[in-house]
């Protein structure tokens, strides 16, 4: 499902890599549902930089 929506790609022997679209969507979910937990783990400044650069 996630591959079909172009959110992730599968690289043999490496694992699963997110696409740009997938990264933006994941950061959006982190902001909408898990902002406090995310900031507690990575810090407010880093999270804000992720949001800025995710577009």
Protein backbone atom coordinates (compact mmCIF):
# COMPACT_ATOMS: atom_id res chain seq x y z
CA UNK A 1 0.00 0.00 0.00
CA UNK A 2 2.68 2.52 0.96
CA UNK A 3 4.70 1.62 -2.14
CA UNK A 4 1.62 2.05 -4.33
CA UNK A 5 1.08 5.54 -2.94
CA UNK A 6 4.79 6.31 -3.52
CA UNK A 7 5.40 6.96 0.16
CA UNK A 8 8.22 4.41 0.45
CA UNK A 9 10.49 2.45 -1.85
CA UNK A 10 12.05 -0.89 -1.13
CA UNK A 11 15.77 -1.26 -1.65
CA UNK A 12 17.11 -4.79 -1.58
CA UNK A 13 19.51 -5.51 1.29
CA UNK A 14 19.02 -1.99 2.63
CA UNK A 15 15.43 -1.98 3.88
CA UNK A 16 12.67 0.50 3.22
CA UNK A 17 13.41 4.09 2.24
CA UNK A 18 10.92 6.92 2.30
CA UNK A 19 10.31 9.02 -0.76
CA UNK A 20 10.12 12.82 -0.55
CA UNK A 21 6.33 12.55 -0.63
CA UNK A 22 6.43 9.94 2.14
CA UNK A 23 8.73 12.05 4.29
CA UNK A 24 6.46 15.09 3.96
CA UNK A 25 3.42 12.99 4.86
CA UNK A 26 5.17 11.41 7.87
CA UNK A 27 6.30 14.82 9.17
CA UNK A 28 2.73 16.05 8.74
CA UNK A 29 1.41 13.14 10.81
CA UNK A 30 4.05 13.84 13.45
CA UNK A 31 2.89 17.47 13.60
CA UNK A 32 -0.83 16.68 13.64
CA UNK A 33 -0.89 13.73 16.03
CA UNK A 34 2.40 13.48 17.89
CA UNK A 35 3.92 16.96 18.13
CA UNK A 36 4.53 16.92 21.88
CA UNK A 37 6.02 13.42 21.83
CA UNK A 38 8.17 14.25 18.81
CA UNK A 39 9.48 17.43 20.43
CA UNK A 40 10.20 15.51 23.63
CA UNK A 41 12.35 13.06 21.66
CA UNK A 42 14.16 15.29 19.14
CA UNK A 43 13.64 18.74 20.61
CA UNK A 44 11.55 21.72 19.52
CA UNK A 45 14.23 23.37 17.37
CA UNK A 46 15.02 20.29 15.30
CA UNK A 47 11.34 19.53 14.81
CA UNK A 48 10.66 23.09 13.64
CA UNK A 49 13.54 22.81 11.16
CA UNK A 50 12.05 19.56 9.84
CA UNK A 51 8.70 21.31 9.33
CA UNK A 52 10.33 24.23 7.53
CA UNK A 53 12.34 22.03 5.19
CA UNK A 54 9.51 19.58 4.54
CA UNK A 55 7.62 22.37 2.78
